[in-house]
Amino acid sequence: MDPGSVVKLLEQIDYQVGSVVSRQVVKNDSGSVTLFAFDAGESLSEHSTPHDALVMVLDGEAEISLAGDSQAVGAGQAILLPGGVPHAVAAEQRFIMALIMLKRGD
């Protein structure tokens, strides 16, 4: 993604049957922005990262758990996942999300 350019995020990634597809659109020393397209029934198992992550659902609905507490997050909604806290993502239906990783300053 070029600085100053306008893009339609949903046009930057496509669903694939039986898969989770990812596409990194921005990366620098401060963090990254990655798009994910989940087919229905796909998931990312519980994990944690050292960085804060902002998940913005762009299409469909995701089931996102944070420290064992699960919530439905739909298109146009976002959830902040603090660094070091276990989280997981599941797709009961197809959905697309933007994951913004925010590196913590020391």
C-alpha atoms as a PDB file:
ATOM      1  CA  MET A   1       0.000   0.000   0.000  1.00  0.00           C
ATOM      2  CA  ASP A   2       1.539   3.275  -1.079  1.00  0.00           C
ATOM      3  CA  PRO A   3       1.498   6.308   1.255  1.00  0.00           C
ATOM      4  CA  GLY A   4      -1.356   8.653   0.386  1.00  0.00           C
ATOM      5  CA  SER A   5      -3.145   6.057  -1.726  1.00  0.00           C
ATOM      6  CA  VAL A   6      -6.778   5.189  -1.068  1.00  0.00           C
ATOM      7  CA  VAL A   7      -7.669   1.504  -1.183  1.00  0.00           C
ATOM      8  CA  LYS A   8     -10.793  -0.523  -0.536  1.00  0.00           C
ATOM      9  CA  LEU A   9      -9.612  -3.045   2.026  1.00  0.00           C
ATOM     10  CA  LEU A  10     -12.232  -5.645   1.093  1.00  0.00           C
ATOM     11  CA  GLU A  11     -10.847  -5.645  -2.463  1.00  0.00           C
ATOM     12  CA  GLN A  12      -7.346  -6.500  -1.187  1.00  0.00           C
ATOM     13  CA  ILE A  13      -8.191 -10.055  -0.080  1.00  0.00           C
ATOM     14  CA  ASP A  14     -10.493 -12.892  -1.159  1.00  0.00           C
ATOM     15  CA  TYR A  15     -12.050 -15.834   0.635  1.00  0.00           C
ATOM     16  CA  GLN A  16     -10.748 -19.328  -0.168  1.00  0.00           C
ATOM     17  CA  VAL A  17     -12.780 -22.438   0.581  1.00  0.00           C
ATOM     18  CA  GLY A  18     -11.568 -24.264   3.684  1.00  0.00           C
ATOM     19  CA  SER A  19      -8.816 -21.752   4.421  1.00  0.00           C
ATOM     20  CA  VAL A  20      -7.626 -18.740   6.355  1.00  0.00           C
ATOM     21  CA  VAL A  21      -5.970 -16.311   3.943  1.00  0.00           C
ATOM     22  CA  SER A  22      -3.746 -13.450   5.083  1.00  0.00           C
ATOM     23  CA  ARG A  23      -2.210 -10.469   3.333  1.00  0.00           C
ATOM     24  CA  GLN A  24       0.072  -7.955   5.008  1.00  0.00           C
ATOM     25  CA  VAL A  25      -0.662  -4.479   3.663  1.00  0.00           C
ATOM     26  CA  VAL A  26       1.585  -2.330   5.903  1.00  0.00           C
ATOM     27  CA  LYS A  27       4.683  -3.060   7.976  1.00  0.00           C
ATOM     28  CA  ASN A  28       7.118  -0.718   9.683  1.00  0.00           C
ATOM     29  CA  ASP A  29       9.052  -0.406  12.955  1.00  0.00           C
ATOM     30  CA  SER A  30       5.857   0.581  14.836  1.00  0.00           C
ATOM     31  CA  GLY A  31       3.765  -2.413  13.795  1.00  0.00           C
ATOM     32  CA  SER A  32       1.799  -3.884  10.934  1.00  0.00           C
ATOM     33  CA  VAL A  33      -1.613  -4.155   9.310  1.00  0.00           C
ATOM     34  CA  THR A  34      -2.647  -7.569   8.016  1.00  0.00           C
ATOM     35  CA  LEU A  35      -5.926  -8.584   6.403  1.00  0.00           C
ATOM     36  CA  PHE A  36      -7.361 -12.033   7.133  1.00  0.00           C
ATOM     37  CA  ALA A  37     -10.204 -13.814   5.314  1.00  0.00           C
ATOM     38  CA  PHE A  38     -11.640 -16.801   7.210  1.00  0.00           C
ATOM     39  CA  ASP A  39     -13.890 -19.355   5.564  1.00  0.00           C
ATOM     40  CA  ALA A  40     -16.740 -20.677   7.722  1.00  0.00           C
ATOM     41  CA  GLY A  41     -15.497 -23.206  10.254  1.00  0.00           C
ATOM     42  CA  GLU A  42     -11.885 -21.983  10.226  1.00  0.00           C
ATOM     43  CA  SER A  43     -10.074 -20.613  13.282  1.00  0.00           C
ATOM     44  CA  LEU A  44      -6.843 -19.496  14.901  1.00  0.00           C
ATOM     45  CA  SER A  45      -6.194 -21.439  18.106  1.00  0.00           C
ATOM     46  CA  GLU A  46      -5.536 -19.690  21.397  1.00  0.00           C
ATOM     47  CA  HIS A  47      -2.216 -17.855  21.458  1.00  0.00           C
ATOM     48  CA  SER A  48      -0.698 -14.607  22.724  1.00  0.00           C
ATOM     49  CA  THR A  49       1.730 -12.048  21.389  1.00  0.00           C
ATOM     50  CA  PRO A  50       3.889  -9.489  23.177  1.00  0.00           C
ATOM     51  CA  HIS A  51       2.162  -6.660  21.281  1.00  0.00           C
ATOM     52  CA  ASP A  52      -1.273  -5.098  21.545  1.00  0.00           C
ATOM     53  CA  ALA A  53      -3.529  -5.950  18.611  1.00  0.00           C
ATOM     54  CA  LEU A  54      -6.606  -4.167  17.335  1.00  0.00           C
ATOM     55  CA  VAL A  55      -8.983  -6.424  15.408  1.00  0.00           C
ATOM     56  CA  MET A  56     -11.434  -4.638  13.099  1.00  0.00           C
ATOM     57  CA  VAL A  57     -14.057  -6.877  11.474  1.00  0.00           C
ATOM     58  CA  LEU A  58     -14.732  -5.662   7.921  1.00  0.00           C
ATOM     59  CA  ASP A  59     -17.178  -8.316   6.706  1.00  0.00           C
ATOM     60  CA  GLY A  60     -19.230 -10.998   8.430  1.00  0.00           C
ATOM     61  CA  GLU A  61     -18.861 -11.904  12.095  1.00  0.00           C
ATOM     62  CA  ALA A  62     -16.114 -13.461  14.212  1.00  0.00           C
ATOM     63  CA  GLU A  63     -16.150 -15.204  17.563  1.00  0.00           C
ATOM     64  CA  ILE A  64     -13.170 -13.779  19.445  1.00  0.00           C
ATOM     65  CA  SER A  65     -12.107 -15.000  22.856  1.00  0.00           C
ATOM     66  CA  LEU A  66      -9.907 -12.995  25.185  1.00  0.00           C
ATOM     67  CA  ALA A  67      -8.625 -14.733  28.331  1.00  0.00           C
ATOM     68  CA  GLY A  68     -11.386 -17.322  27.922  1.00  0.00           C
ATOM     69  CA  ASP A  69     -14.236 -14.798  27.511  1.00  0.00           C
ATOM     70  CA  SER A  70     -15.823 -15.158  24.058  1.00  0.00           C
ATOM     71  CA  GLN A  71     -17.623 -12.377  22.166  1.00  0.00           C
ATOM     72  CA  ALA A  72     -19.257 -11.999  18.755  1.00  0.00           C
ATOM     73  CA  VAL A  73     -17.651  -9.145  16.811  1.00  0.00           C
ATOM     74  CA  GLY A  74     -19.413  -8.056  13.620  1.00  0.00           C
ATOM     75  CA  ALA A  75     -18.680  -5.910  10.589  1.00  0.00           C
ATOM     76  CA  GLY A  76     -17.907  -2.359  11.634  1.00  0.00           C
ATOM     77  CA  GLN A  77     -16.885  -3.406  15.154  1.00  0.00           C
ATOM     78  CA  ALA A  78     -13.444  -3.681  16.731  1.00  0.00           C
ATOM     79  CA  ILE A  79     -11.845  -5.267  19.783  1.00  0.00           C
ATOM     80  CA  LEU A  80      -8.499  -4.528  21.437  1.00  0.00           C
ATOM     81  CA  LEU A  81      -6.427  -7.576  22.385  1.00  0.00           C
ATOM     82  CA  PRO A  82      -3.757  -6.612  24.945  1.00  0.00           C
ATOM     83  CA  GLY A  83      -0.277  -8.040  24.562  1.00  0.00           C
ATOM     84  CA  GLY A  84       0.469 -11.088  26.683  1.00  0.00           C
ATOM     85  CA  VAL A  85      -3.207 -12.082  27.065  1.00  0.00           C
ATOM     86  CA  PRO A  86      -4.316 -15.355  25.408  1.00  0.00           C
ATOM     87  CA  HIS A  87      -6.845 -14.949  22.606  1.00  0.00           C
ATOM     88  CA  ALA A  88      -8.393 -16.996  19.795  1.00  0.00           C
ATOM     89  CA  VAL A  89     -10.471 -16.338  16.674  1.00  0.00           C
ATOM     90  CA  ALA A  90     -13.183 -18.560  15.180  1.00  0.00           C
ATOM     91  CA  ALA A  91     -15.425 -18.228  12.135  1.00  0.00           C
ATOM     92  CA  GLU A  92     -18.901 -19.701  12.397  1.00  0.00           C
ATOM     93  CA  GLN A  93     -19.521 -17.833   9.139  1.00  0.00           C
ATOM     94  CA  ARG A  94     -17.117 -16.277   6.639  1.00  0.00           C
ATOM     95  CA  PHE A  95     -15.512 -13.057   7.797  1.00  0.00           C
ATOM     96  CA  ILE A  96     -12.725 -10.646   6.960  1.00  0.00           C
ATOM     97  CA  MET A  97     -10.746  -8.715   9.554  1.00  0.00           C
ATOM     98  CA  ALA A  98      -7.942  -6.202   9.653  1.00  0.00           C
ATOM     99  CA  LEU A  99      -5.359  -6.940  12.353  1.00  0.00           C
ATOM    100  CA  ILE A 100      -3.371  -3.925  13.486  1.00  0.00           C
ATOM    101  CA  MET A 101      -0.337  -4.901  15.558  1.00  0.00           C
ATOM    102  CA  LEU A 102       0.924  -2.108  17.796  1.00  0.00           C
ATOM    103  CA  LYS A 103       4.440  -2.555  19.110  1.00  0.00           C
ATOM    104  CA  ARG A 104       4.915  -1.321  22.656  1.00  0.00           C
ATOM    105  CA  GLY A 105       7.539   1.336  23.263  1.00  0.00           C
ATOM    106  CA  ASP A 106      10.272   0.550  25.788  1.00  0.00           C
END
